[in-house]
Full PDB file with SEQRES, HELIX, SHEET, SSBOND, CRYST1, ORIGX, SCALE, CONECT and MASTER records, all heavy atoms in Angstrom:
SEQRES   1 A   38  LEU PHE SER MET PRO LEU MET ASP SER GLY HIS GLY VAL          
SEQRES   2 A   38  PRO ASP PRO PHE MET ARG LEU MET MET TRP LEU SER THR          
SEQRES   3 A   38  LEU LEU ARG GLN LEU LEU PRO GLY LEU PHE ARG LEU              
HELIX    1 AA1 SER A    3  ASP A    8  1                                   6    
HELIX    2 AA2 PRO A   16  MET A   21  1                                   6    
HELIX    3 AA3 LEU A   24  LEU A   31  1                                   8    
HELIX    4 AA4 PRO A   33  ARG A   37  5                                   5    
CRYST1    1.000    1.000    1.000  90.00  90.00  90.00 P 1           1          
ORIGX1      1.000000  0.000000  0.000000        0.00000                         
ORIGX2      0.000000  1.000000  0.000000        0.00000                         
ORIGX3      0.000000  0.000000  1.000000        0.00000                         
SCALE1      1.000000  0.000000  0.000000        0.00000                         
SCALE2      0.000000  1.000000  0.000000        0.00000                         
SCALE3      0.000000  0.000000  1.000000        0.00000                         
ATOM      1  N   LEU A   1      72.238  80.300  69.833  1.00  0.00           N  
ATOM      2  CA  LEU A   1      72.838  81.096  70.903  1.00  0.00           C  
ATOM      3  C   LEU A   1      72.428  82.568  70.799  1.00  0.00           C  
ATOM      4  O   LEU A   1      72.092  83.211  71.812  1.00  0.00           O  
ATOM      5  CB  LEU A   1      74.363  80.975  70.852  1.00  0.00           C  
ATOM      6  CG  LEU A   1      74.936  79.585  71.138  1.00  0.00           C  
ATOM      7  CD1 LEU A   1      76.457  79.597  71.017  1.00  0.00           C  
ATOM      8  CD2 LEU A   1      74.530  79.094  72.523  1.00  0.00           C  
ATOM      9  N   PHE A   2      72.429  83.111  69.576  1.00  0.00           N  
ATOM     10  CA  PHE A   2      72.067  84.521  69.405  1.00  0.00           C  
ATOM     11  C   PHE A   2      70.566  84.755  69.554  1.00  0.00           C  
ATOM     12  O   PHE A   2      70.134  85.900  69.756  1.00  0.00           O  
ATOM     13  CB  PHE A   2      72.525  85.019  68.030  1.00  0.00           C  
ATOM     14  CG  PHE A   2      74.015  85.107  67.894  1.00  0.00           C  
ATOM     15  CD1 PHE A   2      74.641  84.759  66.717  1.00  0.00           C  
ATOM     16  CD2 PHE A   2      74.808  85.538  68.948  1.00  0.00           C  
ATOM     17  CE1 PHE A   2      76.022  84.832  66.573  1.00  0.00           C  
ATOM     18  CE2 PHE A   2      76.185  85.619  68.834  1.00  0.00           C  
ATOM     19  CZ  PHE A   2      76.802  85.256  67.643  1.00  0.00           C  
ATOM     20  N   SER A   3      69.778  83.688  69.464  1.00  0.00           N  
ATOM     21  CA  SER A   3      68.331  83.830  69.665  1.00  0.00           C  
ATOM     22  C   SER A   3      67.975  83.883  71.139  1.00  0.00           C  
ATOM     23  O   SER A   3      66.922  84.416  71.513  1.00  0.00           O  
ATOM     24  CB  SER A   3      67.581  82.672  69.004  1.00  0.00           C  
ATOM     25  OG  SER A   3      67.741  82.696  67.610  1.00  0.00           O  
ATOM     26  N   MET A   4      68.846  83.339  71.997  1.00  0.00           N  
ATOM     27  CA  MET A   4      68.527  83.281  73.418  1.00  0.00           C  
ATOM     28  C   MET A   4      68.359  84.655  74.055  1.00  0.00           C  
ATOM     29  O   MET A   4      67.442  84.859  74.865  1.00  0.00           O  
ATOM     30  CB  MET A   4      69.589  82.469  74.151  1.00  0.00           C  
ATOM     31  CG  MET A   4      69.457  80.978  73.903  1.00  0.00           C  
ATOM     32  SD  MET A   4      70.639  79.996  74.846  1.00  0.00           S  
ATOM     33  CE  MET A   4      70.130  78.338  74.337  1.00  0.00           C  
ATOM     34  N   PRO A   5      69.223  85.639  73.743  1.00  0.00           N  
ATOM     35  CA  PRO A   5      68.970  86.973  74.320  1.00  0.00           C  
ATOM     36  C   PRO A   5      67.629  87.555  73.899  1.00  0.00           C  
ATOM     37  O   PRO A   5      66.970  88.243  74.700  1.00  0.00           O  
ATOM     38  CB  PRO A   5      70.137  87.811  73.770  1.00  0.00           C  
ATOM     39  CG  PRO A   5      71.216  86.829  73.505  1.00  0.00           C  
ATOM     40  CD  PRO A   5      70.514  85.591  73.047  1.00  0.00           C  
ATOM     41  N   LEU A   6      67.185  87.283  72.651  1.00  0.00           N  
ATOM     42  CA  LEU A   6      65.877  87.764  72.217  1.00  0.00           C  
ATOM     43  C   LEU A   6      64.761  87.101  73.011  1.00  0.00           C  
ATOM     44  O   LEU A   6      63.810  87.756  73.449  1.00  0.00           O  
ATOM     45  CB  LEU A   6      65.684  87.490  70.717  1.00  0.00           C  
ATOM     46  CG  LEU A   6      66.484  88.363  69.742  1.00  0.00           C  
ATOM     47  CD1 LEU A   6      66.260  87.890  68.312  1.00  0.00           C  
ATOM     48  CD2 LEU A   6      66.094  89.828  69.886  1.00  0.00           C  
ATOM     49  N   MET A   7      64.872  85.785  73.183  1.00  0.00           N  
ATOM     50  CA  MET A   7      63.853  85.065  73.948  1.00  0.00           C  
ATOM     51  C   MET A   7      63.864  85.512  75.409  1.00  0.00           C  
ATOM     52  O   MET A   7      62.806  85.687  76.039  1.00  0.00           O  
ATOM     53  CB  MET A   7      64.105  83.551  73.870  1.00  0.00           C  
ATOM     54  CG  MET A   7      64.250  82.999  72.467  1.00  0.00           C  
ATOM     55  SD  MET A   7      62.803  83.263  71.452  1.00  0.00           S  
ATOM     56  CE  MET A   7      63.406  82.671  69.863  1.00  0.00           C  
ATOM     57  N   ASP A   8      65.062  85.726  75.926  1.00  0.00           N  
ATOM     58  CA  ASP A   8      65.185  86.073  77.335  1.00  0.00           C  
ATOM     59  C   ASP A   8      64.614  87.456  77.625  1.00  0.00           C  
ATOM     60  O   ASP A   8      64.087  87.709  78.720  1.00  0.00           O  
ATOM     61  CB  ASP A   8      66.665  86.024  77.734  1.00  0.00           C  
ATOM     62  CG  ASP A   8      66.862  86.096  79.243  1.00  0.00           C  
ATOM     63  OD1 ASP A   8      66.436  85.156  79.928  1.00  0.00           O  
ATOM     64  OD2 ASP A   8      67.434  87.093  79.718  1.00  0.00           O  
ATOM     65  N   SER A   9      64.690  88.367  76.621  1.00  0.00           N  
ATOM     66  CA  SER A   9      64.198  89.732  76.825  1.00  0.00           C  
ATOM     67  C   SER A   9      62.745  89.899  76.404  1.00  0.00           C  
ATOM     68  O   SER A   9      62.216  91.003  76.454  1.00  0.00           O  
ATOM     69  CB  SER A   9      65.066  90.721  76.039  1.00  0.00           C  
ATOM     70  OG  SER A   9      65.016  90.426  74.654  1.00  0.00           O  
ATOM     71  N   GLY A  10      62.116  88.805  75.970  1.00  0.00           N  
ATOM     72  CA  GLY A  10      60.711  88.865  75.584  1.00  0.00           C  
ATOM     73  C   GLY A  10      60.477  89.369  74.180  1.00  0.00           C  
ATOM     74  O   GLY A  10      59.336  89.675  73.810  1.00  0.00           O  
ATOM     75  N   HIS A  11      61.546  89.439  73.343  1.00  0.00           N  
ATOM     76  CA  HIS A  11      61.393  89.905  71.962  1.00  0.00           C  
ATOM     77  C   HIS A  11      61.210  88.740  70.993  1.00  0.00           C  
ATOM     78  O   HIS A  11      61.330  88.913  69.786  1.00  0.00           O  
ATOM     79  CB  HIS A  11      62.617  90.729  71.529  1.00  0.00           C  
ATOM     80  CG  HIS A  11      62.649  92.079  72.151  1.00  0.00           C  
ATOM     81  ND1 HIS A  11      63.181  92.296  73.408  1.00  0.00           N  
ATOM     82  CD2 HIS A  11      62.201  93.290  71.717  1.00  0.00           C  
ATOM     83  CE1 HIS A  11      63.086  93.583  73.705  1.00  0.00           C  
ATOM     84  NE2 HIS A  11      62.492  94.208  72.700  1.00  0.00           N  
ATOM     85  N   GLY A  12      60.953  87.569  71.510  1.00  0.00           N  
ATOM     86  CA  GLY A  12      60.735  86.419  70.648  1.00  0.00           C  
ATOM     87  C   GLY A  12      59.984  85.344  71.387  1.00  0.00           C  
ATOM     88  O   GLY A  12      59.950  85.321  72.629  1.00  0.00           O  
ATOM     89  N   VAL A  13      59.345  84.477  70.631  1.00  0.00           N  
ATOM     90  CA  VAL A  13      58.595  83.371  71.224  1.00  0.00           C  
ATOM     91  C   VAL A  13      59.370  82.080  70.981  1.00  0.00           C  
ATOM     92  O   VAL A  13      59.556  81.685  69.834  1.00  0.00           O  
ATOM     93  CB  VAL A  13      57.181  83.269  70.614  1.00  0.00           C  
ATOM     94  CG1 VAL A  13      56.442  82.086  71.222  1.00  0.00           C  
ATOM     95  CG2 VAL A  13      56.416  84.554  70.833  1.00  0.00           C  
ATOM     96  N   PRO A  14      59.868  81.432  72.035  1.00  0.00           N  
ATOM     97  CA  PRO A  14      60.654  80.223  71.825  1.00  0.00           C  
ATOM     98  C   PRO A  14      59.796  79.059  71.345  1.00  0.00           C  
ATOM     99  O   PRO A  14      58.674  78.860  71.788  1.00  0.00           O  
ATOM    100  CB  PRO A  14      61.235  79.936  73.222  1.00  0.00           C  
ATOM    101  CG  PRO A  14      60.271  80.566  74.172  1.00  0.00           C  
ATOM    102  CD  PRO A  14      59.747  81.791  73.469  1.00  0.00           C  
ATOM    103  N   ASP A  15      60.349  78.302  70.389  1.00  0.00           N  
ATOM    104  CA  ASP A  15      59.679  77.085  69.946  1.00  0.00           C  
ATOM    105  C   ASP A  15      59.962  75.988  70.963  1.00  0.00           C  
ATOM    106  O   ASP A  15      60.749  76.182  71.906  1.00  0.00           O  
ATOM    107  CB  ASP A  15      60.181  76.695  68.549  1.00  0.00           C  
ATOM    108  CG  ASP A  15      61.693  76.580  68.504  1.00  0.00           C  
ATOM    109  OD1 ASP A  15      62.234  75.729  69.225  1.00  0.00           O  
ATOM    110  OD2 ASP A  15      62.338  77.347  67.750  1.00  0.00           O  
ATOM    111  N   PRO A  16      59.328  74.800  70.844  1.00  0.00           N  
ATOM    112  CA  PRO A  16      59.535  73.743  71.850  1.00  0.00           C  
ATOM    113  C   PRO A  16      60.991  73.382  72.056  1.00  0.00           C  
ATOM    114  O   PRO A  16      61.425  73.144  73.187  1.00  0.00           O  
ATOM    115  CB  PRO A  16      58.725  72.576  71.276  1.00  0.00           C  
ATOM    116  CG  PRO A  16      57.628  73.229  70.483  1.00  0.00           C  
ATOM    117  CD  PRO A  16      58.254  74.451  69.894  1.00  0.00           C  
ATOM    118  N   PHE A  17      61.769  73.347  70.968  1.00  0.00           N  
ATOM    119  CA  PHE A  17      63.177  73.001  71.116  1.00  0.00           C  
ATOM    120  C   PHE A  17      63.908  74.076  71.915  1.00  0.00           C  
ATOM    121  O   PHE A  17      64.718  73.770  72.801  1.00  0.00           O  
ATOM    122  CB  PHE A  17      63.817  72.818  69.736  1.00  0.00           C  
ATOM    123  CG  PHE A  17      65.289  72.561  69.790  1.00  0.00           C  
ATOM    124  CD1 PHE A  17      65.784  71.335  70.203  1.00  0.00           C  
ATOM    125  CD2 PHE A  17      66.202  73.555  69.437  1.00  0.00           C  
ATOM    126  CE1 PHE A  17      67.145  71.090  70.261  1.00  0.00           C  
ATOM    127  CE2 PHE A  17      67.564  73.322  69.493  1.00  0.00           C  
ATOM    128  CZ  PHE A  17      68.037  72.087  69.901  1.00  0.00           C  
ATOM    129  N   MET A  18      63.625  75.347  71.604  1.00  0.00           N  
ATOM    130  CA  MET A  18      64.300  76.426  72.321  1.00  0.00           C  
ATOM    131  C   MET A  18      63.889  76.449  73.787  1.00  0.00           C  
ATOM    132  O   MET A  18      64.685  76.816  74.659  1.00  0.00           O  
ATOM    133  CB  MET A  18      63.986  77.762  71.652  1.00  0.00           C  
ATOM    134  CG  MET A  18      64.767  78.001  70.362  1.00  0.00           C  
ATOM    135  SD  MET A  18      66.550  78.083  70.616  1.00  0.00           S  
ATOM    136  CE  MET A  18      66.714  79.608  71.533  1.00  0.00           C  
ATOM    137  N   ARG A  19      62.648  76.078  74.087  1.00  0.00           N  
ATOM    138  CA  ARG A  19      62.235  76.021  75.495  1.00  0.00           C  
ATOM    139  C   ARG A  19      63.087  75.003  76.259  1.00  0.00           C  
ATOM    140  O   ARG A  19      63.436  75.222  77.418  1.00  0.00           O  
ATOM    141  CB  ARG A  19      60.763  75.649  75.580  1.00  0.00           C  
ATOM    142  CG  ARG A  19      59.807  76.759  75.154  1.00  0.00           C  
ATOM    143  CD  ARG A  19      58.385  76.445  75.573  1.00  0.00           C  
ATOM    144  NE  ARG A  19      57.463  77.475  75.120  1.00  0.00           N  
ATOM    145  CZ  ARG A  19      56.744  77.399  74.011  1.00  0.00           C  
ATOM    146  NH1 ARG A  19      56.843  76.321  73.245  1.00  0.00           N  
ATOM    147  NH2 ARG A  19      55.930  78.361  73.654  1.00  0.00           N  
ATOM    148  N   LEU A  20      63.392  73.899  75.600  1.00  0.00           N  
ATOM    149  CA  LEU A  20      64.228  72.886  76.254  1.00  0.00           C  
ATOM    150  C   LEU A  20      65.659  73.380  76.453  1.00  0.00           C  
ATOM    151  O   LEU A  20      66.341  72.964  77.389  1.00  0.00           O  
ATOM    152  CB  LEU A  20      64.235  71.607  75.418  1.00  0.00           C  
ATOM    153  CG  LEU A  20      62.910  70.828  75.324  1.00  0.00           C  
ATOM    154  CD1 LEU A  20      63.057  69.650  74.367  1.00  0.00           C  
ATOM    155  CD2 LEU A  20      62.490  70.330  76.698  1.00  0.00           C  
ATOM    156  N   MET A  21      66.105  74.274  75.551  1.00  0.00           N  
ATOM    157  CA  MET A  21      67.486  74.728  75.610  1.00  0.00           C  
ATOM    158  C   MET A  21      67.662  76.035  76.380  1.00  0.00           C  
ATOM    159  O   MET A  21      68.787  76.510  76.537  1.00  0.00           O  
ATOM    160  CB  MET A  21      68.026  74.907  74.181  1.00  0.00           C  
ATOM    161  CG  MET A  21      67.959  73.658  73.320  1.00  0.00           C  
ATOM    162  SD  MET A  21      68.893  72.274  74.036  1.00  0.00           S  
ATOM    163  CE  MET A  21      70.564  72.909  73.968  1.00  0.00           C  
ATOM    164  N   MET A  22      66.565  76.631  76.863  1.00  0.00           N  
ATOM    165  CA  MET A  22      66.681  77.931  77.524  1.00  0.00           C  
ATOM    166  C   MET A  22      67.458  77.872  78.831  1.00  0.00           C  
ATOM    167  O   MET A  22      67.892  78.911  79.346  1.00  0.00           O  
ATOM    168  CB  MET A  22      65.286  78.520  77.770  1.00  0.00           C  
ATOM    169  CG  MET A  22      64.629  79.114  76.521  1.00  0.00           C  
ATOM    170  SD  MET A  22      65.626  80.384  75.711  1.00  0.00           S  
ATOM    171  CE  MET A  22      65.552  81.704  76.924  1.00  0.00           C  
ATOM    172  N   TRP A  23      67.656  76.659  79.383  1.00  0.00           N  
ATOM    173  CA  TRP A  23      68.462  76.566  80.600  1.00  0.00           C  
ATOM    174  C   TRP A  23      69.898  77.028  80.332  1.00  0.00           C  
ATOM    175  O   TRP A  23      70.625  77.424  81.263  1.00  0.00           O  
ATOM    176  CB  TRP A  23      68.470  75.148  81.142  1.00  0.00           C  
ATOM    177  CG  TRP A  23      69.073  74.136  80.192  1.00  0.00           C  
ATOM    178  CD1 TRP A  23      68.447  73.444  79.223  1.00  0.00           C  
ATOM    179  CD2 TRP A  23      70.453  73.738  80.153  1.00  0.00           C  
ATOM    180  NE1 TRP A  23      69.329  72.630  78.546  1.00  0.00           N  
ATOM    181  CE2 TRP A  23      70.570  72.784  79.112  1.00  0.00           C  
ATOM    182  CE3 TRP A  23      71.594  74.084  80.888  1.00  0.00           C  
ATOM    183  CZ2 TRP A  23      71.779  72.193  78.780  1.00  0.00           C  
ATOM    184  CZ3 TRP A  23      72.802  73.480  80.559  1.00  0.00           C  
ATOM    185  CH2 TRP A  23      72.881  72.547  79.520  1.00  0.00           C  
ATOM    186  N   LEU A  24      70.302  77.010  79.037  1.00  0.00           N  
ATOM    187  CA  LEU A  24      71.638  77.489  78.697  1.00  0.00           C  
ATOM    188  C   LEU A  24      71.741  79.004  78.768  1.00  0.00           C  
ATOM    189  O   LEU A  24      72.838  79.556  78.751  1.00  0.00           O  
ATOM    190  CB  LEU A  24      72.010  77.028  77.279  1.00  0.00           C  
ATOM    191  CG  LEU A  24      72.301  75.530  77.079  1.00  0.00           C  
ATOM    192  CD1 LEU A  24      72.489  75.228  75.606  1.00  0.00           C  
ATOM    193  CD2 LEU A  24      73.542  75.138  77.869  1.00  0.00           C  
ATOM    194  N   SER A  25      70.581  79.678  78.822  1.00  0.00           N  
ATOM    195  CA  SER A  25      70.599  81.144  78.823  1.00  0.00           C  
ATOM    196  C   SER A  25      71.364  81.690  80.027  1.00  0.00           C  
ATOM    197  O   SER A  25      72.148  82.643  79.904  1.00  0.00           O  
ATOM    198  CB  SER A  25      69.167  81.677  78.805  1.00  0.00           C  
ATOM    199  OG  SER A  25      69.155  83.076  78.833  1.00  0.00           O  
ATOM    200  N   THR A  26      71.146  81.076  81.193  1.00  0.00           N  
ATOM    201  CA  THR A  26      71.848  81.542  82.401  1.00  0.00           C  
ATOM    202  C   THR A  26      73.346  81.355  82.269  1.00  0.00           C  
ATOM    203  O   THR A  26      74.139  82.254  82.599  1.00  0.00           O  
ATOM    204  CB  THR A  26      71.329  80.782  83.630  1.00  0.00           C  
ATOM    205  OG1 THR A  26      69.916  80.957  83.728  1.00  0.00           O  
ATOM    206  CG2 THR A  26      72.004  81.284  84.894  1.00  0.00           C  
ATOM    207  N   LEU A  27      73.766  80.183  81.760  1.00  0.00           N  
ATOM    208  CA  LEU A  27      75.196  79.918  81.559  1.00  0.00           C  
ATOM    209  C   LEU A  27      75.779  80.862  80.520  1.00  0.00           C  
ATOM    210  O   LEU A  27      76.889  81.392  80.700  1.00  0.00           O  
ATOM    211  CB  LEU A  27      75.382  78.466  81.131  1.00  0.00           C  
ATOM    212  CG  LEU A  27      76.813  78.013  80.826  1.00  0.00           C  
ATOM    213  CD1 LEU A  27      77.688  78.142  82.072  1.00  0.00           C  
ATOM    214  CD2 LEU A  27      76.840  76.572  80.318  1.00  0.00           C  
ATOM    215  N   LEU A  28      75.020  81.104  79.445  1.00  0.00           N  
ATOM    216  CA  LEU A  28      75.507  81.987  78.390  1.00  0.00           C  
ATOM    217  C   LEU A  28      75.634  83.425  78.895  1.00  0.00           C  
ATOM    218  O   LEU A  28      76.560  84.148  78.528  1.00  0.00           O  
ATOM    219  CB  LEU A  28      74.551  81.927  77.185  1.00  0.00           C  
ATOM    220  CG  LEU A  28      74.994  82.638  75.908  1.00  0.00           C  
ATOM    221  CD1 LEU A  28      76.256  81.984  75.365  1.00  0.00           C  
ATOM    222  CD2 LEU A  28      73.893  82.596  74.854  1.00  0.00           C  
ATOM    223  N   ARG A  29      74.719  83.839  79.774  1.00  0.00           N  
ATOM    224  CA  ARG A  29      74.792  85.191  80.341  1.00  0.00           C  
ATOM    225  C   ARG A  29      76.056  85.363  81.181  1.00  0.00           C  
ATOM    226  O   ARG A  29      76.653  86.449  81.203  1.00  0.00           O  
ATOM    227  CB  ARG A  29      73.551  85.473  81.190  1.00  0.00           C  
ATOM    228  CG  ARG A  29      73.462  86.897  81.726  1.00  0.00           C  
ATOM    229  CD  ARG A  29      72.252  87.036  82.653  1.00  0.00           C  
ATOM    230  NE  ARG A  29      71.019  86.944  81.897  1.00  0.00           N  
ATOM    231  CZ  ARG A  29      70.437  87.980  81.300  1.00  0.00           C  
ATOM    232  NH1 ARG A  29      70.996  89.170  81.343  1.00  0.00           N  
ATOM    233  NH2 ARG A  29      69.306  87.818  80.643  1.00  0.00           N  
ATOM    234  N   GLN A  30      76.447  84.286  81.865  1.00  0.00           N  
ATOM    235  CA  GLN A  30      77.659  84.362  82.679  1.00  0.00           C  
ATOM    236  C   GLN A  30      78.919  84.375  81.814  1.00  0.00           C  
ATOM    237  O   GLN A  30      79.889  85.069  82.122  1.00  0.00           O  
ATOM    238  CB  GLN A  30      77.706  83.187  83.649  1.00  0.00           C  
ATOM    239  CG  GLN A  30      76.589  83.198  84.693  1.00  0.00           C  
ATOM    240  CD  GLN A  30      76.589  81.950  85.548  1.00  0.00           C  
ATOM    241  OE1 GLN A  30      77.348  81.009  85.297  1.00  0.00           O  
ATOM    242  NE2 GLN A  30      75.723  81.920  86.558  1.00  0.00           N  
ATOM    243  N   LEU A  31      78.904  83.588  80.715  1.00  0.00           N  
ATOM    244  CA  LEU A  31      80.086  83.494  79.865  1.00  0.00           C  
ATOM    245  C   LEU A  31      80.212  84.690  78.929  1.00  0.00           C  
ATOM    246  O   LEU A  31      81.322  85.190  78.703  1.00  0.00           O  
ATOM    247  CB  LEU A  31      80.034  82.199  79.042  1.00  0.00           C  
ATOM    248  CG  LEU A  31      80.113  80.891  79.827  1.00  0.00           C  
ATOM    249  CD1 LEU A  31      79.950  79.692  78.899  1.00  0.00           C  
ATOM    250  CD2 LEU A  31      81.443  80.802  80.578  1.00  0.00           C  
ATOM    251  N   LEU A  32      79.100  85.134  78.377  1.00  0.00           N  
ATOM    252  CA  LEU A  32      79.108  86.249  77.408  1.00  0.00           C  
ATOM    253  C   LEU A  32      78.086  87.294  77.820  1.00  0.00           C  
ATOM    254  O   LEU A  32      77.029  87.442  77.196  1.00  0.00           O  
ATOM    255  CB  LEU A  32      78.803  85.725  75.997  1.00  0.00           C  
ATOM    256  CG  LEU A  32      79.777  84.707  75.399  1.00  0.00           C  
ATOM    257  CD1 LEU A  32      79.227  84.148  74.105  1.00  0.00           C  
ATOM    258  CD2 LEU A  32      81.141  85.359  75.160  1.00  0.00           C  
ATOM    259  N   PRO A  33      78.350  88.024  78.885  1.00  0.00           N  
ATOM    260  CA  PRO A  33      77.366  89.025  79.345  1.00  0.00           C  
ATOM    261  C   PRO A  33      77.128  90.123  78.312  1.00  0.00           C  
ATOM    262  O   PRO A  33      76.040  90.687  78.236  1.00  0.00           O  
ATOM    263  CB  PRO A  33      77.984  89.580  80.631  1.00  0.00           C  
ATOM    264  CG  PRO A  33      79.449  89.300  80.495  1.00  0.00           C  
ATOM    265  CD  PRO A  33      79.556  88.023  79.734  1.00  0.00           C  
ATOM    266  N   GLY A  34      78.148  90.418  77.485  1.00  0.00           N  
ATOM    267  CA  GLY A  34      77.972  91.470  76.493  1.00  0.00           C  
ATOM    268  C   GLY A  34      76.947  91.113  75.435  1.00  0.00           C  
ATOM    269  O   GLY A  34      76.345  92.012  74.814  1.00  0.00           O  
ATOM    270  N   LEU A  35      76.739  89.816  75.209  1.00  0.00           N  
ATOM    271  CA  LEU A  35      75.771  89.385  74.196  1.00  0.00           C  
ATOM    272  C   LEU A  35      74.361  89.828  74.573  1.00  0.00           C  
ATOM    273  O   LEU A  35      73.554  90.175  73.696  1.00  0.00           O  
ATOM    274  CB  LEU A  35      75.842  87.866  74.036  1.00  0.00           C  
ATOM    275  CG  LEU A  35      74.936  87.230  72.987  1.00  0.00           C  
ATOM    276  CD1 LEU A  35      75.290  87.728  71.591  1.00  0.00           C  
ATOM    277  CD2 LEU A  35      75.054  85.700  73.035  1.00  0.00           C  
ATOM    278  N   PHE A  36      74.071  89.850  75.866  1.00  0.00           N  
ATOM    279  CA  PHE A  36      72.729  90.199  76.326  1.00  0.00           C  
ATOM    280  C   PHE A  36      72.517  91.711  76.390  1.00  0.00           C  
ATOM    281  O   PHE A  36      71.407  92.164  76.676  1.00  0.00           O  
ATOM    282  CB  PHE A  36      72.470  89.572  77.698  1.00  0.00           C  
ATOM    283  CG  PHE A  36      72.263  88.085  77.638  1.00  0.00           C  
ATOM    284  CD1 PHE A  36      73.343  87.219  77.517  1.00  0.00           C  
ATOM    285  CD2 PHE A  36      70.991  87.544  77.681  1.00  0.00           C  
ATOM    286  CE1 PHE A  36      73.159  85.849  77.457  1.00  0.00           C  
ATOM    287  CE2 PHE A  36      70.801  86.172  77.618  1.00  0.00           C  
ATOM    288  CZ  PHE A  36      71.881  85.315  77.495  1.00  0.00           C  
ATOM    289  N   ARG A  37      73.599  92.499  76.161  1.00  0.00           N  
ATOM    290  CA  ARG A  37      73.455  93.949  76.132  1.00  0.00           C  
ATOM    291  C   ARG A  37      73.259  94.479  74.710  1.00  0.00           C  
ATOM    292  O   ARG A  37      73.060  95.671  74.513  1.00  0.00           O  
ATOM    293  CB  ARG A  37      74.679  94.602  76.779  1.00  0.00           C  
ATOM    294  CG  ARG A  37      74.757  94.367  78.292  1.00  0.00           C  
ATOM    295  CD  ARG A  37      75.763  95.295  78.926  1.00  0.00           C  
ATOM    296  NE  ARG A  37      77.138  94.972  78.555  1.00  0.00           N  
ATOM    297  CZ  ARG A  37      77.921  94.152  79.252  1.00  0.00           C  
ATOM    298  NH1 ARG A  37      77.462  93.572  80.364  1.00  0.00           N  
ATOM    299  NH2 ARG A  37      79.157  93.912  78.868  1.00  0.00           N  
ATOM    300  N   LEU A  38      73.335  93.563  73.715  1.00  0.00           N  
ATOM    301  CA  LEU A  38      73.123  93.978  72.330  1.00  0.00           C  
ATOM    302  C   LEU A  38      71.655  94.289  72.095  1.00  0.00           C  
ATOM    303  O   LEU A  38      70.766  93.660  72.683  1.00  0.00           O  
ATOM    304  CB  LEU A  38      73.578  92.875  71.368  1.00  0.00           C  
ATOM    305  CG  LEU A  38      75.071  92.522  71.392  1.00  0.00           C  
ATOM    306  CD1 LEU A  38      75.348  91.327  70.473  1.00  0.00           C  
ATOM    307  CD2 LEU A  38      75.914  93.719  70.967  1.00  0.00           C  
TER     308      LEU A  38                                                      
MASTER        0    0    0    4    0    0    0    6  307    1    0    3          
END                                                                             
């Protein structure tokens, strides 16, 4: 979960598993918007 903001902002390269799970990034942004401001 904490890696998703890094991947979403381009500060990390997602592995194949994370690419499959990145659809959760939108849901996580809605639930915890403050996480993406860190």
